[in-house]
PDB file of N, CA and C in Angstrom:
ATOM      1  N   MET A   1       0.959  -1.129   0.016  1.00  0.00           N
ATOM      2  CA  MET A   1       0.015  -0.003   0.026  1.00  0.00           C
ATOM      3  C   MET A   1       0.896   1.212   0.039  1.00  0.00           C
ATOM      4  N   GLY A   2       0.554   2.227  -0.824  1.00  0.00           N
ATOM      5  CA  GLY A   2       1.419   3.352  -0.904  1.00  0.00           C
ATOM      6  C   GLY A   2       1.153   4.374   0.254  1.00  0.00           C
ATOM      7  N   ILE A   3       2.131   5.226   0.415  1.00  0.00           N
ATOM      8  CA  ILE A   3       1.984   6.237   1.507  1.00  0.00           C
ATOM      9  C   ILE A   3       0.861   7.088   1.414  1.00  0.00           C
ATOM     10  N   LYS A   4       0.427   7.558   0.072  1.00  0.00           N
ATOM     11  CA  LYS A   4      -0.726   8.479  -0.073  1.00  0.00           C
ATOM     12  C   LYS A   4      -1.976   7.731   0.349  1.00  0.00           C
ATOM     13  N   ARG A   5      -2.002   6.364   0.006  1.00  0.00           N
ATOM     14  CA  ARG A   5      -3.223   5.517   0.325  1.00  0.00           C
ATOM     15  C   ARG A   5      -3.257   5.332   1.831  1.00  0.00           C
ATOM     16  N   GLN A   6      -2.151   5.123   2.525  1.00  0.00           N
ATOM     17  CA  GLN A   6      -2.143   4.956   3.947  1.00  0.00           C
ATOM     18  C   GLN A   6      -2.569   6.188   4.734  1.00  0.00           C
ATOM     19  N   GLN A   7      -2.267   7.326   4.176  1.00  0.00           N
ATOM     20  CA  GLN A   7      -2.560   8.654   4.816  1.00  0.00           C
ATOM     21  C   GLN A   7      -4.147   8.817   4.553  1.00  0.00           C
ATOM     22  N   SER A   8      -4.532   8.445   3.434  1.00  0.00           N
ATOM     23  CA  SER A   8      -6.032   8.663   3.049  1.00  0.00           C
ATOM     24  C   SER A   8      -6.934   7.802   3.928  1.00  0.00           C
ATOM     25  N   VAL A   9      -6.475   6.473   4.163  1.00  0.00           N
ATOM     26  CA  VAL A   9      -7.179   5.518   5.023  1.00  0.00           C
ATOM     27  C   VAL A   9      -7.031   6.089   6.562  1.00  0.00           C
ATOM     28  N   GLY A  10      -5.816   6.616   6.897  1.00  0.00           N
ATOM     29  CA  GLY A  10      -5.706   7.101   8.237  1.00  0.00           C
ATOM     30  C   GLY A  10      -6.566   8.272   8.585  1.00  0.00           C
ATOM     31  N   ARG A  11      -6.734   9.248   7.485  1.00  0.00           N
ATOM     32  CA  ARG A  11      -7.625  10.378   7.681  1.00  0.00           C
ATOM     33  C   ARG A  11      -9.029   9.899   7.710  1.00  0.00           C
ATOM     34  N   ALA A  12      -9.449   8.852   6.961  1.00  0.00           N
ATOM     35  CA  ALA A  12     -10.863   8.345   7.043  1.00  0.00           C
ATOM     36  C   ALA A  12     -11.177   7.849   8.438  1.00  0.00           C
ATOM     37  N   LEU A  13     -10.181   7.106   8.927  1.00  0.00           N
ATOM     38  CA  LEU A  13     -10.400   6.452  10.232  1.00  0.00           C
ATOM     39  C   LEU A  13     -10.510   7.513  11.428  1.00  0.00           C
ATOM     40  N   LEU A  14      -9.626   8.575  11.250  1.00  0.00           N
ATOM     41  CA  LEU A  14      -9.654   9.550  12.212  1.00  0.00           C
ATOM     42  C   LEU A  14     -10.980  10.402  12.182  1.00  0.00           C
ATOM     43  N   LYS A  15     -11.457  10.635  10.971  1.00  0.00           N
ATOM     44  CA  LYS A  15     -12.743  11.296  10.876  1.00  0.00           C
ATOM     45  C   LYS A  15     -13.916  10.432  11.388  1.00  0.00           C
ATOM     46  N   ALA A  16     -13.855   9.191  11.194  1.00  0.00           N
ATOM     47  CA  ALA A  16     -14.947   8.292  11.682  1.00  0.00           C
ATOM     48  C   ALA A  16     -14.769   8.346  13.253  1.00  0.00           C
ATOM     49  N   GLU A  17     -13.659   8.267  13.789  1.00  0.00           N
ATOM     50  CA  GLU A  17     -13.411   8.255  15.303  1.00  0.00           C
ATOM     51  C   GLU A  17     -14.008   9.554  15.827  1.00  0.00           C
ATOM     52  N   ILE A  18     -13.664  10.724  15.202  1.00  0.00           N
ATOM     53  CA  ILE A  18     -14.131  12.078  15.712  1.00  0.00           C
ATOM     54  C   ILE A  18     -15.588  12.117  15.720  1.00  0.00           C
ATOM     55  N   THR A  19     -16.241  11.598  14.609  1.00  0.00           N
ATOM     56  CA  THR A  19     -17.721  11.596  14.467  1.00  0.00           C
ATOM     57  C   THR A  19     -18.394  10.820  15.579  1.00  0.00           C
ATOM     58  N   ALA A  20     -17.765   9.634  15.789  1.00  0.00           N
ATOM     59  CA  ALA A  20     -18.340   8.649  16.845  1.00  0.00           C
ATOM     60  C   ALA A  20     -18.143   9.397  18.256  1.00  0.00           C
ATOM     61  N   LYS A  21     -17.080   9.952  18.429  1.00  0.00           N
ATOM     62  CA  LYS A  21     -16.890  10.545  19.742  1.00  0.00           C
ATOM     63  C   LYS A  21     -17.922  11.649  19.949  1.00  0.00           C
ATOM     64  N   GLN A  22     -18.106  12.479  18.980  1.00  0.00           N
ATOM     65  CA  GLN A  22     -19.100  13.592  19.003  1.00  0.00           C
ATOM     66  C   GLN A  22     -20.476  13.048  19.251  1.00  0.00           C
ATOM     67  N   ALA A  23     -20.836  11.935  18.682  1.00  0.00           N
ATOM     68  CA  ALA A  23     -22.212  11.371  18.823  1.00  0.00           C
ATOM     69  C   ALA A  23     -22.291  10.797  20.229  1.00  0.00           C
ATOM     70  N   ARG A  24     -21.312  10.119  20.804  1.00  0.00           N
ATOM     71  CA  ARG A  24     -21.328   9.730  22.044  1.00  0.00           C
ATOM     72  C   ARG A  24     -21.475  10.884  23.116  1.00  0.00           C
ATOM     73  N   SER A  25     -20.853  11.930  22.827  1.00  0.00           N
ATOM     74  CA  SER A  25     -20.842  13.139  23.680  1.00  0.00           C
ATOM     75  C   SER A  25     -22.233  13.692  23.694  1.00  0.00           C
ATOM     76  N   ILE A  26     -22.809  13.781  22.489  1.00  0.00           N
ATOM     77  CA  ILE A  26     -24.159  14.324  22.438  1.00  0.00           C
ATOM     78  C   ILE A  26     -25.222  13.471  23.185  1.00  0.00           C
ATOM     79  N   ASN A  27     -25.049  12.144  23.066  1.00  0.00           N
ATOM     80  CA  ASN A  27     -25.869  11.210  23.674  1.00  0.00           C
ATOM     81  C   ASN A  27     -25.758  11.218  25.259  1.00  0.00           C
ATOM     82  N   TYR A  28     -24.519  11.572  25.669  1.00  0.00           N
ATOM     83  CA  TYR A  28     -24.253  11.429  27.116  1.00  0.00           C
ATOM     84  C   TYR A  28     -24.758  12.811  27.839  1.00  0.00           C
ATOM     85  N   GLN A  29     -24.745  13.985  27.086  1.00  0.00           N
ATOM     86  CA  GLN A  29     -25.107  15.178  27.745  1.00  0.00           C
ATOM     87  C   GLN A  29     -26.456  15.269  28.464  1.00  0.00           C
ATOM     88  N   PRO A  30     -27.504  14.730  27.844  1.00  0.00           N
ATOM     89  CA  PRO A  30     -28.821  14.945  28.445  1.00  0.00           C
ATOM     90  C   PRO A  30     -28.902  14.191  29.876  1.00  0.00           C
ATOM     91  N   GLY A  31     -28.143  13.091  29.998  1.00  0.00           N
ATOM     92  CA  GLY A  31     -28.093  12.348  31.201  1.00  0.00           C
ATOM     93  C   GLY A  31     -27.462  13.059  32.336  1.00  0.00           C
ATOM     94  N   VAL A  32     -26.355  13.807  31.959  1.00  0.00           N
ATOM     95  CA  VAL A  32     -25.534  14.499  32.860  1.00  0.00           C
ATOM     96  C   VAL A  32     -26.343  15.784  33.368  1.00  0.00           C
ATOM     97  N   ALA A  33     -27.087  16.362  32.381  1.00  0.00           N
ATOM     98  CA  ALA A  33     -27.898  17.521  32.786  1.00  0.00           C
ATOM     99  C   ALA A  33     -29.160  17.141  33.572  1.00  0.00           C
ATOM    100  N   LYS A  34     -29.534  15.965  33.537  1.00  0.00           N
ATOM    101  CA  LYS A  34     -30.666  15.379  34.281  1.00  0.00           C
ATOM    102  C   LYS A  34     -32.014  16.145  33.806  1.00  0.00           C
ATOM    103  N   LEU A  35     -31.971  16.282  32.506  1.00  0.00           N
ATOM    104  CA  LEU A  35     -33.280  16.846  31.846  1.00  0.00           C
ATOM    105  C   LEU A  35     -34.224  15.782  31.714  1.00  0.00           C
ATOM    106  N   PRO A  36     -35.580  16.088  31.727  1.00  0.00           N
ATOM    107  CA  PRO A  36     -36.630  15.086  31.440  1.00  0.00           C
ATOM    108  C   PRO A  36     -36.279  14.539  30.080  1.00  0.00           C
ATOM    109  N   LEU A  37     -36.566  13.161  29.990  1.00  0.00           N
ATOM    110  CA  LEU A  37     -36.276  12.475  28.752  1.00  0.00           C
ATOM    111  C   LEU A  37     -37.157  12.885  27.618  1.00  0.00           C
ATOM    112  N   ALA A  38     -38.497  12.911  27.770  1.00  0.00           N
ATOM    113  CA  ALA A  38     -39.314  13.255  26.674  1.00  0.00           C
ATOM    114  C   ALA A  38     -40.754  13.615  27.330  1.00  0.00           C
ATOM    115  N   LYS A  39     -41.263  14.773  26.895  1.00  0.00           N
ATOM    116  CA  LYS A  39     -42.623  15.120  27.307  1.00  0.00           C
ATOM    117  C   LYS A  39     -43.209  15.819  26.105  1.00  0.00           C
ATOM    118  N   GLY A  40     -44.515  15.618  26.117  1.00  0.00           N
ATOM    119  CA  GLY A  40     -45.214  16.414  24.999  1.00  0.00           C
ATOM    120  C   GLY A  40     -46.054  17.586  25.412  1.00  0.00           C
ATOM    121  N   LEU A  41     -46.550  18.380  24.503  1.00  0.00           N
ATOM    122  CA  LEU A  41     -47.239  19.527  24.765  1.00  0.00           C
ATOM    123  C   LEU A  41     -48.523  19.226  25.704  1.00  0.00           C
ATOM    124  N   ALA A  42     -49.160  18.115  25.360  1.00  0.00           N
ATOM    125  CA  ALA A  42     -50.348  17.671  26.017  1.00  0.00           C
ATOM    126  C   ALA A  42     -50.095  17.476  27.567  1.00  0.00           C
ATOM    127  N   GLU A  43     -48.806  17.236  27.896  1.00  0.00           N
ATOM    128  CA  GLU A  43     -48.481  17.044  29.335  1.00  0.00           C
ATOM    129  C   GLU A  43     -48.316  18.388  30.148  1.00  0.00           C
ATOM    130  N   LEU A  44     -48.356  19.452  29.439  1.00  0.00           N
ATOM    131  CA  LEU A  44     -48.199  20.666  30.169  1.00  0.00           C
ATOM    132  C   LEU A  44     -49.537  21.248  30.584  1.00  0.00           C
ATOM    133  N   SER A  45     -49.557  21.878  31.720  1.00  0.00           N
ATOM    134  CA  SER A  45     -50.759  22.563  32.215  1.00  0.00           C
ATOM    135  C   SER A  45     -50.489  24.022  32.330  1.00  0.00           C
ATOM    136  N   PHE A  46     -51.237  24.909  31.642  1.00  0.00           N
ATOM    137  CA  PHE A  46     -51.091  26.323  31.634  1.00  0.00           C
ATOM    138  C   PHE A  46     -51.902  26.984  32.645  1.00  0.00           C
ATOM    139  N   GLU A  47     -52.878  26.223  33.244  1.00  0.00           N
ATOM    140  CA  GLU A  47     -53.812  26.833  34.120  1.00  0.00           C
ATOM    141  C   GLU A  47     -53.128  27.633  35.279  1.00  0.00           C
ATOM    142  N   GLY A  48     -53.608  28.718  35.606  1.00  0.00           N
ATOM    143  CA  GLY A  48     -53.113  29.546  36.745  1.00  0.00           C
ATOM    144  C   GLY A  48     -51.684  30.132  36.486  1.00  0.00           C
ATOM    145  N   THR A  49     -51.251  30.124  35.040  1.00  0.00           N
ATOM    146  CA  THR A  49     -49.950  30.679  34.820  1.00  0.00           C
ATOM    147  C   THR A  49     -50.250  31.835  33.705  1.00  0.00           C
ATOM    148  N   PRO A  50     -49.209  32.774  33.674  1.00  0.00           N
ATOM    149  CA  PRO A  50     -49.313  33.807  32.701  1.00  0.00           C
ATOM    150  C   PRO A  50     -48.908  33.364  31.304  1.00  0.00           C
ATOM    151  N   ILE A  51     -48.715  32.092  31.130  1.00  0.00           N
ATOM    152  CA  ILE A  51     -48.159  31.635  29.897  1.00  0.00           C
ATOM    153  C   ILE A  51     -49.312  31.510  28.790  1.00  0.00           C
ATOM    154  N   ASN A  52     -48.974  32.068  27.613  1.00  0.00           N
ATOM    155  CA  ASN A  52     -50.034  32.063  26.515  1.00  0.00           C
ATOM    156  C   ASN A  52     -49.886  30.688  25.790  1.00  0.00           C
ATOM    157  N   SER A  53     -50.870  29.857  26.134  1.00  0.00           N
ATOM    158  CA  SER A  53     -50.664  28.461  25.560  1.00  0.00           C
ATOM    159  C   SER A  53     -50.857  28.366  23.936  1.00  0.00           C
ATOM    160  N   GLU A  54     -51.587  29.388  23.393  1.00  0.00           N
ATOM    161  CA  GLU A  54     -51.652  29.476  22.001  1.00  0.00           C
ATOM    162  C   GLU A  54     -50.373  29.763  21.394  1.00  0.00           C
ATOM    163  N   GLN A  55     -49.576  30.735  21.990  1.00  0.00           N
ATOM    164  CA  GLN A  55     -48.169  30.981  21.511  1.00  0.00           C
ATOM    165  C   GLN A  55     -47.284  29.852  21.602  1.00  0.00           C
ATOM    166  N   ILE A  56     -47.430  29.165  22.760  1.00  0.00           N
ATOM    167  CA  ILE A  56     -46.515  27.916  22.890  1.00  0.00           C
ATOM    168  C   ILE A  56     -46.835  26.855  21.834  1.00  0.00           C
ATOM    169  N   ALA A  57     -48.098  26.742  21.503  1.00  0.00           N
ATOM    170  CA  ALA A  57     -48.459  25.751  20.497  1.00  0.00           C
ATOM    171  C   ALA A  57     -47.964  26.137  19.074  1.00  0.00           C
ATOM    172  N   GLN A  58     -47.862  27.498  18.835  1.00  0.00           N
ATOM    173  CA  GLN A  58     -47.246  27.952  17.537  1.00  0.00           C
ATOM    174  C   GLN A  58     -45.802  27.660  17.587  1.00  0.00           C
ATOM    175  N   LEU A  59     -45.120  27.837  18.675  1.00  0.00           N
ATOM    176  CA  LEU A  59     -43.769  27.516  18.826  1.00  0.00           C
ATOM    177  C   LEU A  59     -43.361  26.116  18.558  1.00  0.00           C
ATOM    178  N   VAL A  60     -44.306  25.246  19.067  1.00  0.00           N
ATOM    179  CA  VAL A  60     -44.090  23.829  18.837  1.00  0.00           C
ATOM    180  C   VAL A  60     -44.103  23.391  17.344  1.00  0.00           C
ATOM    181  N   GLY A  61     -44.813  24.235  16.594  1.00  0.00           N
ATOM    182  CA  GLY A  61     -44.877  23.950  15.123  1.00  0.00           C
ATOM    183  C   GLY A  61     -43.604  24.333  14.470  1.00  0.00           C
ATOM    184  N   GLY A  62     -42.648  24.955  15.090  1.00  0.00           N
ATOM    185  CA  GLY A  62     -41.280  25.266  14.549  1.00  0.00           C
ATOM    186  C   GLY A  62     -41.220  26.258  13.461  1.00  0.00           C
ATOM    187  N   GLY A  63     -42.162  27.095  13.272  1.00  0.00           N
ATOM    188  CA  GLY A  63     -42.090  28.178  12.217  1.00  0.00           C
ATOM    189  C   GLY A  63     -40.961  29.123  12.437  1.00  0.00           C
ATOM    190  N   PHE A  64     -40.584  29.323  13.762  1.00  0.00           N
ATOM    191  CA  PHE A  64     -39.515  30.278  13.965  1.00  0.00           C
ATOM    192  C   PHE A  64     -38.191  29.686  13.339  1.00  0.00           C
ATOM    193  N   LEU A  65     -38.058  28.437  13.221  1.00  0.00           N
ATOM    194  CA  LEU A  65     -36.875  27.872  12.583  1.00  0.00           C
ATOM    195  C   LEU A  65     -36.796  28.331  11.004  1.00  0.00           C
ATOM    196  N   ASP A  66     -38.009  28.207  10.345  1.00  0.00           N
ATOM    197  CA  ASP A  66     -37.973  28.551   8.888  1.00  0.00           C
ATOM    198  C   ASP A  66     -37.627  30.102   8.797  1.00  0.00           C
ATOM    199  N   ASN A  67     -37.942  30.879   9.717  1.00  0.00           N
ATOM    200  CA  ASN A  67     -37.672  32.361   9.660  1.00  0.00           C
ATOM    201  C   ASN A  67     -36.229  32.654  10.368  1.00  0.00           C
ATOM    202  N   LYS A  68     -35.539  31.583  10.684  1.00  0.00           N
ATOM    203  CA  LYS A  68     -34.233  31.745  11.247  1.00  0.00           C
ATOM    204  C   LYS A  68     -34.230  32.645  12.390  1.00  0.00           C
ATOM    205  N   ARG A  69     -35.189  32.347  13.372  1.00  0.00           N
ATOM    206  CA  ARG A  69     -35.351  33.151  14.545  1.00  0.00           C
ATOM    207  C   ARG A  69     -34.995  32.367  15.864  1.00  0.00           C
ATOM    208  N   ASN A  70     -34.509  32.889  16.760  1.00  0.00           N
ATOM    209  CA  ASN A  70     -34.210  32.244  18.048  1.00  0.00           C
ATOM    210  C   ASN A  70     -35.341  32.573  19.106  1.00  0.00           C
ATOM    211  N   ILE A  71     -35.456  31.565  20.072  1.00  0.00           N
ATOM    212  CA  ILE A  71     -36.420  31.952  21.169  1.00  0.00           C
ATOM    213  C   ILE A  71     -35.696  31.599  22.368  1.00  0.00           C
ATOM    214  N   ALA A  72     -36.096  32.300  23.495  1.00  0.00           N
ATOM    215  CA  ALA A  72     -35.370  32.108  24.783  1.00  0.00           C
ATOM    216  C   ALA A  72     -36.575  32.187  25.866  1.00  0.00           C
ATOM    217  N   PHE A  73     -36.529  31.184  26.680  1.00  0.00           N
ATOM    218  CA  PHE A  73     -37.415  31.140  27.871  1.00  0.00           C
ATOM    219  C   PHE A  73     -36.646  31.528  29.104  1.00  0.00           C
ATOM    220  N   ILE A  74     -37.250  32.584  29.732  1.00  0.00           N
ATOM    221  CA  ILE A  74     -36.585  33.079  31.037  1.00  0.00           C
ATOM    222  C   ILE A  74     -37.354  32.755  32.123  1.00  0.00           C
ATOM    223  N   GLY A  75     -36.867  32.319  33.199  1.00  0.00           N
ATOM    224  CA  GLY A  75     -37.643  32.094  34.478  1.00  0.00           C
ATOM    225  C   GLY A  75     -36.708  31.622  35.498  1.00  0.00           C
ATOM    226  N   GLY A  76     -37.179  31.664  36.782  1.00  0.00           N
ATOM    227  CA  GLY A  76     -36.409  31.208  37.869  1.00  0.00           C
ATOM    228  C   GLY A  76     -36.394  29.666  38.063  1.00  0.00           C
ATOM    229  N   THR A  77     -35.763  29.265  38.989  1.00  0.00           N
ATOM    230  CA  THR A  77     -35.684  27.753  39.325  1.00  0.00           C
ATOM    231  C   THR A  77     -37.028  27.214  39.569  1.00  0.00           C
ATOM    232  N   GLY A  78     -37.176  26.008  38.884  1.00  0.00           N
ATOM    233  CA  GLY A  78     -38.547  25.385  39.125  1.00  0.00           C
ATOM    234  C   GLY A  78     -39.607  25.877  38.240  1.00  0.00           C
ATOM    235  N   ARG A  79     -39.324  26.744  37.270  1.00  0.00           N
ATOM    236  CA  ARG A  79     -40.308  27.369  36.409  1.00  0.00           C
ATOM    237  C   ARG A  79     -40.521  26.632  35.159  1.00  0.00           C
ATOM    238  N   GLY A  80     -39.763  25.563  34.906  1.00  0.00           N
ATOM    239  CA  GLY A  80     -39.976  24.834  33.588  1.00  0.00           C
ATOM    240  C   GLY A  80     -39.317  25.403  32.371  1.00  0.00           C
ATOM    241  N   VAL A  81     -38.311  26.365  32.566  1.00  0.00           N
ATOM    242  CA  VAL A  81     -37.722  26.943  31.299  1.00  0.00           C
ATOM    243  C   VAL A  81     -36.769  25.863  30.655  1.00  0.00           C
ATOM    244  N   THR A  82     -36.433  24.799  31.270  1.00  0.00           N
ATOM    245  CA  THR A  82     -35.626  23.850  30.544  1.00  0.00           C
ATOM    246  C   THR A  82     -36.401  22.739  29.973  1.00  0.00           C
ATOM    247  N   PHE A  83     -37.717  22.832  30.096  1.00  0.00           N
ATOM    248  CA  PHE A  83     -38.593  21.786  29.477  1.00  0.00           C
ATOM    249  C   PHE A  83     -38.394  21.703  28.060  1.00  0.00           C
ATOM    250  N   ALA A  84     -38.073  20.429  27.548  1.00  0.00           N
ATOM    251  CA  ALA A  84     -37.819  20.233  26.194  1.00  0.00           C
ATOM    252  C   ALA A  84     -38.774  19.086  25.736  1.00  0.00           C
ATOM    253  N   GLY A  85     -39.839  19.459  25.060  1.00  0.00           N
ATOM    254  CA  GLY A  85     -40.730  18.515  24.712  1.00  0.00           C
ATOM    255  C   GLY A  85     -40.744  18.119  23.213  1.00  0.00           C
TER     256      GLY A  85
END
């Protein structure tokens, strides 16, 4: 096998290892953060809160992504701002 071929194979293996390491890291992070695994919009109760449930339902639709807009939820501890449904 030629040197160029060996370098090409080595680069491919290195790229595959980096990709696998990044995937493991992404899969590991939610467990470390202790975030809820999965919840749906139907599991949220907006009663007695100032939250606009219609606006939340629109956000769940993901239209803000098409418009390349960001959203940020701000609130104190225990307010559910890390909820990812």
